[in-house]
Amino acid sequence: MEQEARETACNAANAICDVFRYLGDVSYAILPRDLAHDLGDLNKSFWNGVRTAVDKEIEWIDERVAGGDKLREEWQSRCQPEEPAGAGEPVS
């Protein structure tokens, strides 16, 4: 019974994906060939630019996190009290 429900859900999801794929194909098929290819290239160029911007943002975040770690370590080293030489061992 459970397997049947999963298969039904997968079939429904595949059918919906097929509909969107067909609509996407139709949206390019109604255009003249050269225009469809130019529009596809423009669309890919746009998304490539978005990807580049996202990659730069991720790189910036990584650099800020690393900088924060370094600054935190500096603050922690400044806040630790300095022990005088030989003060760490008990006197017997």
C-alpha atoms as a PDB file:
ATOM      1  CA  MET A   1       0.000   0.000   0.000  1.00  0.00           C
ATOM      2  CA  GLU A   2       2.763   2.463   0.972  1.00  0.00           C
ATOM      3  CA  GLN A   3       4.803   1.617  -2.126  1.00  0.00           C
ATOM      4  CA  GLU A   4       1.726   2.203  -4.274  1.00  0.00           C
ATOM      5  CA  ALA A   5       1.229   5.658  -2.730  1.00  0.00           C
ATOM      6  CA  ARG A   6       4.869   6.555  -3.439  1.00  0.00           C
ATOM      7  CA  GLU A   7       4.606   5.427  -7.037  1.00  0.00           C
ATOM      8  CA  THR A   8       1.399   7.445  -7.499  1.00  0.00           C
ATOM      9  CA  ALA A   9       3.070  10.560  -6.062  1.00  0.00           C
ATOM     10  CA  CYS A  10       6.140  10.055  -8.274  1.00  0.00           C
ATOM     11  CA  ASN A  11       3.948   9.575 -11.335  1.00  0.00           C
ATOM     12  CA  ALA A  12       2.031  12.769 -10.538  1.00  0.00           C
ATOM     13  CA  ALA A  13       5.269  14.714 -10.021  1.00  0.00           C
ATOM     14  CA  ASN A  14       6.666  13.372 -13.300  1.00  0.00           C
ATOM     15  CA  ALA A  15       3.471  14.336 -15.114  1.00  0.00           C
ATOM     16  CA  ILE A  16       3.687  17.896 -13.760  1.00  0.00           C
ATOM     17  CA  CYS A  17       7.366  18.135 -14.772  1.00  0.00           C
ATOM     18  CA  ASP A  18       6.447  16.884 -18.246  1.00  0.00           C
ATOM     19  CA  VAL A  19       3.813  19.621 -18.565  1.00  0.00           C
ATOM     20  CA  PHE A  20       6.289  22.357 -17.602  1.00  0.00           C
ATOM     21  CA  ARG A  21       8.920  20.898 -19.937  1.00  0.00           C
ATOM     22  CA  TYR A  22       6.394  20.887 -22.795  1.00  0.00           C
ATOM     23  CA  LEU A  23       5.357  24.485 -22.072  1.00  0.00           C
ATOM     24  CA  GLY A  24       9.022  25.501 -22.081  1.00  0.00           C
ATOM     25  CA  ASP A  25       9.520  23.789 -25.431  1.00  0.00           C
ATOM     26  CA  VAL A  26       6.429  25.492 -26.841  1.00  0.00           C
ATOM     27  CA  SER A  27       7.624  28.902 -25.664  1.00  0.00           C
ATOM     28  CA  TYR A  28      10.730  28.532 -27.839  1.00  0.00           C
ATOM     29  CA  ALA A  29       9.016  26.660 -30.693  1.00  0.00           C
ATOM     30  CA  ILE A  30       6.637  29.556 -31.422  1.00  0.00           C
ATOM     31  CA  LEU A  31       9.604  31.845 -32.132  1.00  0.00           C
ATOM     32  CA  PRO A  32      11.667  31.874 -35.312  1.00  0.00           C
ATOM     33  CA  ARG A  33      14.718  29.614 -34.980  1.00  0.00           C
ATOM     34  CA  ASP A  34      17.337  32.403 -34.838  1.00  0.00           C
ATOM     35  CA  LEU A  35      15.332  34.415 -32.336  1.00  0.00           C
ATOM     36  CA  ALA A  36      14.771  31.336 -30.154  1.00  0.00           C
ATOM     37  CA  HIS A  37      18.501  30.613 -30.074  1.00  0.00           C
ATOM     38  CA  ASP A  38      19.360  34.256 -29.366  1.00  0.00           C
ATOM     39  CA  LEU A  39      16.808  34.352 -26.564  1.00  0.00           C
ATOM     40  CA  GLY A  40      18.211  31.103 -25.151  1.00  0.00           C
ATOM     41  CA  ASP A  41      21.733  32.556 -25.224  1.00  0.00           C
ATOM     42  CA  LEU A  42      20.510  35.720 -23.512  1.00  0.00           C
ATOM     43  CA  ASN A  43      18.737  33.655 -20.862  1.00  0.00           C
ATOM     44  CA  LYS A  44      21.867  31.548 -20.240  1.00  0.00           C
ATOM     45  CA  SER A  45      23.996  34.686 -20.060  1.00  0.00           C
ATOM     46  CA  PHE A  46      21.666  36.199 -17.470  1.00  0.00           C
ATOM     47  CA  TRP A  47      21.734  33.086 -15.272  1.00  0.00           C
ATOM     48  CA  ASN A  48      25.504  32.835 -15.657  1.00  0.00           C
ATOM     49  CA  GLY A  49      25.739  36.401 -14.340  1.00  0.00           C
ATOM     50  CA  VAL A  50      23.513  35.485 -11.417  1.00  0.00           C
ATOM     51  CA  ARG A  51      25.730  32.453 -10.710  1.00  0.00           C
ATOM     52  CA  THR A  52      28.840  34.657 -10.794  1.00  0.00           C
ATOM     53  CA  ALA A  53      27.242  37.130  -8.382  1.00  0.00           C
ATOM     54  CA  VAL A  54      26.247  34.297  -6.034  1.00  0.00           C
ATOM     55  CA  ASP A  55      29.764  32.829  -6.184  1.00  0.00           C
ATOM     56  CA  LYS A  56      31.248  36.241  -5.317  1.00  0.00           C
ATOM     57  CA  GLU A  57      28.798  36.615  -2.422  1.00  0.00           C
ATOM     58  CA  ILE A  58      29.717  33.162  -1.079  1.00  0.00           C
ATOM     59  CA  GLU A  59      33.419  34.007  -1.394  1.00  0.00           C
ATOM     60  CA  TRP A  60      32.849  37.296   0.459  1.00  0.00           C
ATOM     61  CA  ILE A  61      30.997  35.493   3.261  1.00  0.00           C
ATOM     62  CA  ASP A  62      33.812  32.930   3.601  1.00  0.00           C
ATOM     63  CA  GLU A  63      36.368  35.744   3.845  1.00  0.00           C
ATOM     64  CA  ARG A  64      34.313  37.566   6.475  1.00  0.00           C
ATOM     65  CA  VAL A  65      33.914  34.410   8.569  1.00  0.00           C
ATOM     66  CA  ALA A  66      37.683  33.765   8.383  1.00  0.00           C
ATOM     67  CA  GLY A  67      38.345  37.392   9.322  1.00  0.00           C
ATOM     68  CA  GLY A  68      35.945  37.082  12.241  1.00  0.00           C
ATOM     69  CA  ASP A  69      37.753  33.967  13.462  1.00  0.00           C
ATOM     70  CA  LYS A  70      41.097  35.765  13.322  1.00  0.00           C
ATOM     71  CA  LEU A  71      39.727  38.800  15.147  1.00  0.00           C
ATOM     72  CA  ARG A  72      38.087  36.609  17.811  1.00  0.00           C
ATOM     73  CA  GLU A  73      41.410  34.836  18.432  1.00  0.00           C
ATOM     74  CA  GLU A  74      43.158  38.218  18.794  1.00  0.00           C
ATOM     75  CA  TRP A  75      40.544  39.388  21.297  1.00  0.00           C
ATOM     76  CA  GLN A  76      40.785  36.177  23.282  1.00  0.00           C
ATOM     77  CA  SER A  77      44.583  36.388  23.453  1.00  0.00           C
ATOM     78  CA  ARG A  78      44.346  39.988  24.710  1.00  0.00           C
ATOM     79  CA  CYS A  79      41.768  39.132  27.368  1.00  0.00           C
ATOM     80  CA  GLN A  80      43.679  36.220  28.926  1.00  0.00           C
ATOM     81  CA  PRO A  81      45.611  37.291  32.009  1.00  0.00           C
ATOM     82  CA  GLU A  82      49.352  36.921  31.710  1.00  0.00           C
ATOM     83  CA  GLU A  83      50.968  34.688  34.342  1.00  0.00           C
ATOM     84  CA  PRO A  84      54.309  35.760  35.796  1.00  0.00           C
ATOM     85  CA  ALA A  85      57.208  33.353  35.199  1.00  0.00           C
ATOM     86  CA  GLY A  86      57.145  30.459  37.659  1.00  0.00           C
ATOM     87  CA  ALA A  87      53.749  31.418  39.093  1.00  0.00           C
ATOM     88  CA  GLY A  88      52.027  28.415  37.545  1.00  0.00           C
ATOM     89  CA  GLU A  89      53.727  25.855  39.823  1.00  0.00           C
ATOM     90  CA  PRO A  90      52.747  25.428  43.504  1.00  0.00           C
ATOM     91  CA  VAL A  91      55.416  26.053  46.130  1.00  0.00           C
ATOM     92  CA  SER A  92      56.241  23.038  48.318  1.00  0.00           C
END
